[in-house]
N, C-alpha and C. Protein backbone atom coordinates (compact mmCIF):
# COMPACT_ATOMS: atom_id res chain seq x y z
N MET A 1 -130.42 -159.16 93.65
CA MET A 1 -131.22 -159.96 94.57
C MET A 1 -132.39 -160.57 93.81
N ASN A 2 -132.67 -161.81 94.09
CA ASN A 2 -133.73 -162.54 93.43
C ASN A 2 -135.10 -162.00 93.89
N LEU A 3 -135.98 -161.68 92.93
CA LEU A 3 -137.28 -161.10 93.26
C LEU A 3 -138.14 -162.07 94.06
N SER A 4 -138.07 -163.37 93.78
CA SER A 4 -138.86 -164.34 94.55
C SER A 4 -138.39 -164.40 95.99
N LEU A 5 -137.10 -164.21 96.23
CA LEU A 5 -136.57 -164.17 97.58
C LEU A 5 -137.08 -162.93 98.32
N LEU A 6 -137.13 -161.80 97.60
CA LEU A 6 -137.62 -160.56 98.18
C LEU A 6 -139.08 -160.69 98.60
N ARG A 7 -139.87 -161.38 97.80
CA ARG A 7 -141.29 -161.56 98.10
C ARG A 7 -141.51 -162.41 99.34
N LYS A 8 -140.54 -163.21 99.69
CA LYS A 8 -140.68 -164.12 100.82
C LYS A 8 -140.30 -163.48 102.15
N THR A 9 -139.76 -162.28 102.13
CA THR A 9 -139.36 -161.65 103.38
C THR A 9 -140.59 -161.28 104.21
N LYS A 10 -140.39 -161.23 105.52
CA LYS A 10 -141.50 -160.93 106.43
C LYS A 10 -142.11 -159.57 106.14
N PHE A 11 -141.26 -158.60 105.86
CA PHE A 11 -141.76 -157.25 105.63
C PHE A 11 -142.64 -157.19 104.39
N VAL A 12 -142.20 -157.85 103.32
CA VAL A 12 -142.99 -157.85 102.09
C VAL A 12 -144.30 -158.59 102.31
N ARG A 13 -144.27 -159.70 103.07
CA ARG A 13 -145.52 -160.41 103.37
C ARG A 13 -146.45 -159.53 104.19
N PHE A 14 -145.89 -158.80 105.15
CA PHE A 14 -146.69 -157.87 105.95
C PHE A 14 -147.37 -156.83 105.07
N LEU A 15 -146.60 -156.23 104.16
CA LEU A 15 -147.16 -155.21 103.28
C LEU A 15 -148.18 -155.80 102.32
N THR A 16 -147.93 -157.00 101.82
CA THR A 16 -148.87 -157.65 100.92
C THR A 16 -150.19 -157.92 101.64
N ASN A 17 -150.11 -158.43 102.86
CA ASN A 17 -151.34 -158.66 103.64
C ASN A 17 -152.05 -157.36 103.93
N PHE A 18 -151.29 -156.31 104.17
CA PHE A 18 -151.87 -155.00 104.43
C PHE A 18 -152.64 -154.50 103.21
N ILE A 19 -152.06 -154.69 102.02
CA ILE A 19 -152.73 -154.29 100.79
C ILE A 19 -154.00 -155.10 100.58
N LYS A 20 -153.94 -156.39 100.87
CA LYS A 20 -155.09 -157.26 100.67
C LYS A 20 -156.23 -156.93 101.62
N GLN A 21 -155.96 -156.22 102.70
CA GLN A 21 -157.00 -155.83 103.64
C GLN A 21 -157.79 -154.62 103.15
N GLY A 22 -157.56 -154.22 101.95
CA GLY A 22 -158.33 -153.12 101.37
C GLY A 22 -157.63 -151.78 101.41
N ALA A 23 -156.41 -151.74 101.90
CA ALA A 23 -155.68 -150.48 101.93
C ALA A 23 -155.17 -150.15 100.53
N THR A 24 -155.34 -148.92 100.17
CA THR A 24 -154.87 -148.47 98.86
C THR A 24 -153.38 -148.12 98.95
N PRO A 25 -152.69 -148.09 97.82
CA PRO A 25 -151.29 -147.66 97.86
C PRO A 25 -151.13 -146.26 98.47
N GLU A 26 -152.12 -145.39 98.26
CA GLU A 26 -152.06 -144.05 98.83
C GLU A 26 -152.10 -144.09 100.35
N LYS A 27 -152.97 -144.95 100.91
CA LYS A 27 -153.07 -145.07 102.37
C LYS A 27 -151.80 -145.69 102.96
N ILE A 28 -151.24 -146.65 102.24
CA ILE A 28 -150.01 -147.27 102.72
C ILE A 28 -148.88 -146.25 102.72
N ALA A 29 -148.77 -145.49 101.64
CA ALA A 29 -147.72 -144.46 101.55
C ALA A 29 -147.91 -143.41 102.64
N LEU A 30 -149.16 -143.03 102.90
CA LEU A 30 -149.45 -142.06 103.96
C LEU A 30 -149.08 -142.63 105.32
N THR A 31 -149.39 -143.89 105.53
CA THR A 31 -149.06 -144.55 106.80
C THR A 31 -147.55 -144.56 107.02
N VAL A 32 -146.80 -144.94 106.00
CA VAL A 32 -145.35 -144.99 106.12
C VAL A 32 -144.78 -143.59 106.35
N ALA A 33 -145.24 -142.62 105.56
CA ALA A 33 -144.72 -141.25 105.70
C ALA A 33 -145.01 -140.68 107.09
N LEU A 34 -146.25 -140.84 107.55
CA LEU A 34 -146.59 -140.33 108.88
C LEU A 34 -145.81 -141.05 109.97
N GLY A 35 -145.68 -142.37 109.85
CA GLY A 35 -144.94 -143.13 110.85
C GLY A 35 -143.48 -142.71 110.95
N VAL A 36 -142.85 -142.49 109.80
CA VAL A 36 -141.45 -142.09 109.80
C VAL A 36 -141.29 -140.67 110.34
N ILE A 37 -142.12 -139.75 109.84
CA ILE A 37 -141.99 -138.35 110.24
C ILE A 37 -142.30 -138.17 111.72
N LEU A 38 -143.41 -138.76 112.18
CA LEU A 38 -143.75 -138.63 113.59
C LEU A 38 -142.78 -139.41 114.47
N GLY A 39 -142.25 -140.50 113.93
CA GLY A 39 -141.24 -141.27 114.67
C GLY A 39 -139.94 -140.52 114.85
N ALA A 40 -139.69 -139.52 114.02
CA ALA A 40 -138.47 -138.71 114.11
C ALA A 40 -138.68 -137.44 114.94
N PHE A 41 -139.82 -137.33 115.61
CA PHE A 41 -140.10 -136.17 116.47
C PHE A 41 -138.96 -136.01 117.47
N PRO A 42 -138.44 -134.79 117.67
CA PRO A 42 -137.21 -134.61 118.45
C PRO A 42 -137.36 -134.66 119.97
N VAL A 43 -138.40 -135.29 120.45
CA VAL A 43 -138.57 -135.48 121.89
C VAL A 43 -138.87 -136.96 122.11
N ILE A 44 -138.12 -137.59 122.97
CA ILE A 44 -138.31 -139.02 123.24
C ILE A 44 -139.58 -139.18 124.08
N GLY A 45 -140.47 -140.05 123.61
CA GLY A 45 -141.66 -140.36 124.41
C GLY A 45 -142.99 -140.18 123.73
N PRO A 46 -143.29 -139.02 123.16
CA PRO A 46 -144.65 -138.79 122.67
C PRO A 46 -144.97 -139.35 121.28
N THR A 47 -144.04 -140.08 120.65
CA THR A 47 -144.29 -140.51 119.27
C THR A 47 -145.45 -141.50 119.16
N THR A 48 -145.62 -142.35 120.17
CA THR A 48 -146.73 -143.31 120.13
C THR A 48 -148.06 -142.57 120.14
N LEU A 49 -148.18 -141.58 121.00
CA LEU A 49 -149.40 -140.77 121.07
C LEU A 49 -149.61 -139.99 119.78
N LEU A 50 -148.55 -139.41 119.24
CA LEU A 50 -148.66 -138.65 117.99
C LEU A 50 -149.12 -139.54 116.84
N CYS A 51 -148.58 -140.76 116.76
CA CYS A 51 -148.98 -141.68 115.69
C CYS A 51 -150.42 -142.15 115.89
N THR A 52 -150.83 -142.35 117.13
CA THR A 52 -152.23 -142.72 117.39
C THR A 52 -153.18 -141.63 116.93
N LEU A 53 -152.85 -140.39 117.26
CA LEU A 53 -153.69 -139.26 116.82
C LEU A 53 -153.70 -139.15 115.30
N ALA A 54 -152.55 -139.33 114.66
CA ALA A 54 -152.48 -139.26 113.20
C ALA A 54 -153.32 -140.37 112.57
N ALA A 55 -153.29 -141.57 113.16
CA ALA A 55 -154.08 -142.69 112.63
C ALA A 55 -155.57 -142.38 112.70
N LEU A 56 -155.99 -141.75 113.78
CA LEU A 56 -157.40 -141.39 113.93
C LEU A 56 -157.80 -140.26 112.98
N ILE A 57 -156.94 -139.27 112.85
CA ILE A 57 -157.25 -138.11 112.00
C ILE A 57 -157.24 -138.49 110.52
N PHE A 58 -156.22 -139.22 110.09
CA PHE A 58 -156.07 -139.54 108.67
C PHE A 58 -156.66 -140.90 108.29
N ARG A 59 -157.23 -141.58 109.26
CA ARG A 59 -157.89 -142.88 109.05
C ARG A 59 -156.98 -143.89 108.36
N VAL A 60 -155.81 -144.03 108.96
CA VAL A 60 -154.89 -145.06 108.49
C VAL A 60 -154.83 -146.16 109.55
N ASN A 61 -154.26 -147.28 109.18
CA ASN A 61 -154.18 -148.45 110.04
C ASN A 61 -153.30 -148.15 111.25
N LEU A 62 -153.89 -148.22 112.46
CA LEU A 62 -153.15 -147.89 113.68
C LEU A 62 -151.99 -148.85 113.94
N PRO A 63 -152.19 -150.17 113.88
CA PRO A 63 -151.03 -151.04 114.10
C PRO A 63 -149.91 -150.82 113.07
N ALA A 64 -150.27 -150.52 111.85
CA ALA A 64 -149.25 -150.31 110.81
C ALA A 64 -148.45 -149.04 111.08
N ILE A 65 -149.11 -147.96 111.45
CA ILE A 65 -148.37 -146.71 111.71
C ILE A 65 -147.49 -146.87 112.95
N GLN A 66 -147.96 -147.62 113.95
CA GLN A 66 -147.14 -147.86 115.13
C GLN A 66 -145.94 -148.75 114.79
N PHE A 67 -146.16 -149.71 113.91
CA PHE A 67 -145.06 -150.57 113.46
C PHE A 67 -143.98 -149.72 112.80
N VAL A 68 -144.39 -148.83 111.91
CA VAL A 68 -143.42 -147.95 111.24
C VAL A 68 -142.74 -147.05 112.27
N ASN A 69 -143.53 -146.50 113.19
CA ASN A 69 -142.99 -145.63 114.24
C ASN A 69 -141.91 -146.35 115.04
N TYR A 70 -142.19 -147.56 115.48
CA TYR A 70 -141.23 -148.29 116.32
C TYR A 70 -139.99 -148.71 115.54
N THR A 71 -140.16 -149.02 114.27
CA THR A 71 -138.99 -149.43 113.48
C THR A 71 -138.12 -148.24 113.08
N THR A 72 -138.67 -147.03 113.19
CA THR A 72 -137.87 -145.84 112.85
C THR A 72 -137.24 -145.19 114.08
N TYR A 73 -137.30 -145.87 115.21
CA TYR A 73 -136.69 -145.32 116.43
C TYR A 73 -135.21 -144.95 116.22
N PRO A 74 -134.43 -145.76 115.52
CA PRO A 74 -133.03 -145.34 115.27
C PRO A 74 -132.93 -144.00 114.52
N ILE A 75 -133.90 -143.73 113.64
CA ILE A 75 -133.89 -142.45 112.93
C ILE A 75 -134.09 -141.31 113.92
N GLN A 76 -134.96 -141.51 114.90
CA GLN A 76 -135.17 -140.47 115.92
C GLN A 76 -133.87 -140.20 116.67
N ILE A 77 -133.19 -141.24 117.05
CA ILE A 77 -131.93 -141.08 117.80
C ILE A 77 -130.89 -140.36 116.94
N ILE A 78 -130.82 -140.73 115.68
CA ILE A 78 -129.83 -140.13 114.77
C ILE A 78 -130.14 -138.66 114.49
N THR A 79 -131.43 -138.31 114.37
CA THR A 79 -131.80 -136.95 113.97
C THR A 79 -132.07 -136.00 115.13
N ILE A 80 -132.10 -136.50 116.36
CA ILE A 80 -132.48 -135.64 117.47
C ILE A 80 -131.50 -134.47 117.66
N LEU A 81 -130.21 -134.75 117.65
CA LEU A 81 -129.22 -133.68 117.83
C LEU A 81 -129.24 -132.69 116.66
N PRO A 82 -129.30 -133.16 115.39
CA PRO A 82 -129.40 -132.17 114.30
C PRO A 82 -130.63 -131.26 114.42
N PHE A 83 -131.76 -131.80 114.89
CA PHE A 83 -132.94 -130.94 115.08
C PHE A 83 -132.68 -129.90 116.17
N TYR A 84 -132.02 -130.30 117.25
CA TYR A 84 -131.70 -129.35 118.32
C TYR A 84 -130.73 -128.29 117.81
N LYS A 85 -129.75 -128.71 117.04
CA LYS A 85 -128.78 -127.74 116.52
C LYS A 85 -129.41 -126.83 115.47
N PHE A 86 -130.28 -127.37 114.62
CA PHE A 86 -130.96 -126.54 113.62
C PHE A 86 -131.88 -125.54 114.32
N GLY A 87 -132.58 -126.00 115.35
CA GLY A 87 -133.43 -125.09 116.13
C GLY A 87 -132.62 -123.99 116.79
N ALA A 88 -131.46 -124.35 117.32
CA ALA A 88 -130.59 -123.35 117.95
C ALA A 88 -130.10 -122.36 116.90
N TYR A 89 -129.81 -122.84 115.71
CA TYR A 89 -129.37 -121.96 114.62
C TYR A 89 -130.48 -120.99 114.23
N ILE A 90 -131.71 -121.50 114.09
CA ILE A 90 -132.85 -120.67 113.68
C ILE A 90 -133.08 -119.54 114.68
N PHE A 91 -133.01 -119.87 115.97
CA PHE A 91 -133.32 -118.90 117.02
C PHE A 91 -132.10 -118.18 117.57
N GLY A 92 -130.93 -118.48 117.05
CA GLY A 92 -129.71 -117.85 117.56
C GLY A 92 -129.42 -118.27 118.99
N ASP A 93 -129.85 -119.46 119.36
CA ASP A 93 -129.70 -119.99 120.71
C ASP A 93 -128.28 -120.52 120.89
N LYS A 94 -127.67 -120.22 122.01
CA LYS A 94 -126.29 -120.65 122.29
C LYS A 94 -126.24 -121.85 123.23
N THR A 95 -127.34 -122.59 123.35
CA THR A 95 -127.42 -123.72 124.27
C THR A 95 -126.29 -124.72 124.06
N PHE A 96 -125.98 -125.03 122.83
CA PHE A 96 -125.01 -126.07 122.55
C PHE A 96 -123.58 -125.54 122.44
N ASP A 97 -123.38 -124.27 122.74
CA ASP A 97 -122.03 -123.72 122.76
C ASP A 97 -121.39 -123.87 124.14
N ILE A 98 -122.16 -124.38 125.10
CA ILE A 98 -121.69 -124.52 126.48
C ILE A 98 -120.96 -125.86 126.62
N PRO A 99 -119.78 -125.87 127.24
CA PRO A 99 -119.09 -127.14 127.49
C PRO A 99 -119.92 -128.04 128.42
N LEU A 100 -119.75 -129.33 128.28
CA LEU A 100 -120.53 -130.29 129.05
C LEU A 100 -120.37 -130.09 130.56
N GLU A 101 -119.17 -129.79 131.02
CA GLU A 101 -118.94 -129.59 132.46
C GLU A 101 -119.75 -128.41 132.99
N GLU A 102 -119.79 -127.34 132.21
CA GLU A 102 -120.57 -126.16 132.61
C GLU A 102 -122.06 -126.46 132.58
N PHE A 103 -122.47 -127.25 131.58
CA PHE A 103 -123.88 -127.61 131.45
C PHE A 103 -124.35 -128.42 132.66
N THR A 104 -123.56 -129.42 133.05
CA THR A 104 -123.94 -130.22 134.22
C THR A 104 -123.84 -129.41 135.50
N GLY A 105 -122.89 -128.49 135.55
CA GLY A 105 -122.78 -127.60 136.71
C GLY A 105 -124.01 -126.72 136.87
N MET A 106 -124.60 -126.30 135.74
CA MET A 106 -125.83 -125.50 135.78
C MET A 106 -126.94 -126.27 136.50
N PHE A 107 -127.06 -127.57 136.19
CA PHE A 107 -128.10 -128.38 136.82
C PHE A 107 -127.86 -128.55 138.31
N ARG A 108 -126.61 -128.61 138.71
CA ARG A 108 -126.30 -128.74 140.14
C ARG A 108 -126.64 -127.46 140.91
N GLN A 109 -126.42 -126.32 140.31
CA GLN A 109 -126.65 -125.05 140.98
C GLN A 109 -128.11 -124.63 140.96
N ASP A 110 -128.77 -124.76 139.81
CA ASP A 110 -130.15 -124.27 139.67
C ASP A 110 -130.91 -125.19 138.72
N ILE A 111 -131.54 -126.21 139.28
CA ILE A 111 -132.19 -127.20 138.44
C ILE A 111 -133.37 -126.60 137.68
N TRP A 112 -134.16 -125.75 138.32
CA TRP A 112 -135.34 -125.18 137.64
C TRP A 112 -134.93 -124.22 136.53
N GLY A 113 -133.92 -123.41 136.78
CA GLY A 113 -133.42 -122.52 135.74
C GLY A 113 -132.83 -123.30 134.57
N SER A 114 -132.17 -124.41 134.88
CA SER A 114 -131.59 -125.25 133.85
C SER A 114 -132.67 -125.92 133.01
N LEU A 115 -133.74 -126.38 133.67
CA LEU A 115 -134.85 -126.98 132.93
C LEU A 115 -135.51 -125.97 132.01
N LEU A 116 -135.66 -124.74 132.49
CA LEU A 116 -136.23 -123.69 131.65
C LEU A 116 -135.30 -123.41 130.48
N PHE A 117 -134.03 -123.36 130.75
CA PHE A 117 -133.03 -123.13 129.70
C PHE A 117 -133.09 -124.24 128.65
N PHE A 118 -133.13 -125.50 129.11
CA PHE A 118 -133.20 -126.62 128.19
C PHE A 118 -134.57 -126.70 127.53
N GLY A 119 -135.63 -126.24 128.22
CA GLY A 119 -136.98 -126.22 127.65
C GLY A 119 -137.05 -125.38 126.38
N ASN A 120 -136.32 -124.29 126.36
CA ASN A 120 -136.26 -123.46 125.15
C ASN A 120 -135.61 -124.24 124.01
N ALA A 121 -134.59 -125.02 124.33
CA ALA A 121 -133.93 -125.83 123.30
C ALA A 121 -134.89 -126.86 122.72
N ILE A 122 -135.72 -127.46 123.59
CA ILE A 122 -136.73 -128.42 123.13
C ILE A 122 -137.72 -127.72 122.19
N TYR A 123 -138.19 -126.57 122.59
CA TYR A 123 -139.11 -125.80 121.75
C TYR A 123 -138.48 -125.48 120.40
N HIS A 124 -137.23 -125.07 120.41
CA HIS A 124 -136.54 -124.74 119.17
C HIS A 124 -136.37 -125.97 118.27
N ALA A 125 -136.10 -127.12 118.87
CA ALA A 125 -135.97 -128.36 118.10
C ALA A 125 -137.30 -128.75 117.47
N ILE A 126 -138.40 -128.56 118.20
CA ILE A 126 -139.73 -128.87 117.67
C ILE A 126 -140.06 -127.96 116.49
N VAL A 127 -139.71 -126.69 116.61
CA VAL A 127 -139.93 -125.76 115.50
C VAL A 127 -139.11 -126.20 114.28
N ALA A 128 -137.87 -126.59 114.49
CA ALA A 128 -137.03 -127.06 113.38
C ALA A 128 -137.65 -128.30 112.74
N TRP A 129 -138.16 -129.22 113.56
CA TRP A 129 -138.81 -130.42 113.05
C TRP A 129 -140.05 -130.04 112.24
N CYS A 130 -140.81 -129.06 112.72
CA CYS A 130 -142.01 -128.61 111.99
C CYS A 130 -141.67 -128.04 110.62
N LEU A 131 -140.50 -127.46 110.49
CA LEU A 131 -140.08 -126.93 109.19
C LEU A 131 -139.62 -128.04 108.24
N VAL A 132 -138.99 -129.05 108.78
CA VAL A 132 -138.43 -130.14 107.96
C VAL A 132 -139.49 -131.20 107.65
N ALA A 133 -140.37 -131.49 108.60
CA ALA A 133 -141.32 -132.61 108.49
C ALA A 133 -142.19 -132.58 107.23
N PRO A 134 -142.80 -131.46 106.87
CA PRO A 134 -143.66 -131.48 105.66
C PRO A 134 -142.89 -131.82 104.38
N ILE A 135 -141.69 -131.30 104.27
CA ILE A 135 -140.88 -131.57 103.07
C ILE A 135 -140.45 -133.03 103.05
N ALA A 136 -139.91 -133.51 104.16
CA ALA A 136 -139.47 -134.91 104.24
C ALA A 136 -140.66 -135.85 104.10
N GLY A 137 -141.78 -135.49 104.73
CA GLY A 137 -142.98 -136.33 104.63
C GLY A 137 -143.48 -136.45 103.20
N GLY A 138 -143.47 -135.34 102.47
CA GLY A 138 -143.88 -135.37 101.07
C GLY A 138 -142.96 -136.23 100.23
N LEU A 139 -141.66 -136.11 100.47
CA LEU A 139 -140.70 -136.93 99.73
C LEU A 139 -140.89 -138.42 100.03
N ILE A 140 -141.10 -138.74 101.29
CA ILE A 140 -141.32 -140.14 101.68
C ILE A 140 -142.63 -140.65 101.07
N TYR A 141 -143.69 -139.86 101.18
CA TYR A 141 -144.99 -140.27 100.66
C TYR A 141 -144.92 -140.60 99.17
N PHE A 142 -144.39 -139.68 98.37
CA PHE A 142 -144.36 -139.89 96.93
C PHE A 142 -143.38 -141.00 96.53
N SER A 143 -142.30 -141.16 97.28
CA SER A 143 -141.36 -142.24 96.99
C SER A 143 -141.99 -143.60 97.27
N VAL A 144 -142.64 -143.74 98.42
CA VAL A 144 -143.28 -145.01 98.77
C VAL A 144 -144.44 -145.28 97.82
N LEU A 145 -145.21 -144.28 97.48
CA LEU A 145 -146.32 -144.44 96.56
C LEU A 145 -145.81 -144.93 95.20
N TYR A 146 -144.76 -144.32 94.72
CA TYR A 146 -144.17 -144.74 93.45
C TYR A 146 -143.73 -146.20 93.50
N LEU A 147 -143.04 -146.57 94.57
CA LEU A 147 -142.56 -147.95 94.70
C LEU A 147 -143.70 -148.95 94.78
N PHE A 148 -144.73 -148.64 95.54
CA PHE A 148 -145.86 -149.56 95.64
C PHE A 148 -146.56 -149.73 94.31
N LYS A 149 -146.75 -148.65 93.61
CA LYS A 149 -147.42 -148.75 92.32
C LYS A 149 -146.54 -149.46 91.30
N LYS A 150 -145.25 -149.25 91.37
CA LYS A 150 -144.35 -149.90 90.43
C LYS A 150 -144.31 -151.42 90.67
N PHE A 151 -144.22 -151.82 91.93
CA PHE A 151 -144.09 -153.23 92.23
C PHE A 151 -145.42 -153.97 92.34
N SER A 152 -146.52 -153.24 92.41
CA SER A 152 -147.82 -153.91 92.47
C SER A 152 -148.36 -154.16 91.07
N GLY A 153 -147.74 -153.61 90.05
CA GLY A 153 -148.17 -153.85 88.67
C GLY A 153 -149.24 -152.87 88.20
N LYS A 154 -149.66 -151.96 89.07
CA LYS A 154 -150.67 -150.97 88.67
C LYS A 154 -149.98 -149.81 88.00
N LYS A 155 -150.69 -149.13 87.11
CA LYS A 155 -150.12 -147.97 86.46
C LYS A 155 -149.99 -146.83 87.45
N GLN A 156 -148.93 -146.10 87.29
CA GLN A 156 -148.66 -145.00 88.19
C GLN A 156 -149.46 -143.76 87.76
N ILE A 157 -150.10 -143.13 88.74
CA ILE A 157 -150.88 -141.91 88.48
C ILE A 157 -150.03 -140.68 88.74
N VAL A 158 -149.15 -140.77 89.72
CA VAL A 158 -148.36 -139.60 90.14
C VAL A 158 -147.37 -139.24 89.09
């Protein structure tokens, strides 16, 4: 791929403008890592709030972290079931060993008991995500940092 063509893409222009706003490669890498990791949270809905809190705590660009969060939505969909299954494995939970017909039948018979049952699965998935997130976040951070430093022409410190 032609490098001049790559520079003309919208994403590269966005990142270039972001760098020119005074953001360091470290802040950009942190923004991307947090956006991806929080965007992969195994519960649909709270990722926008989580990214907002992360932007305030780590003092990264709020629109940028939300942009990364929204663009990684497919990652959340792809990883949600593996997090639930990993959580079930960690806790020895048999939630996903139930056939779908029996699972839906549980909701028809006892909705509150079913919600409690599924609530444990959500908790287990969050614990699994908490175990994976720091490792994946570190890998993303250092990979993005390396790429930004390599393509920005600055010497790499890491």
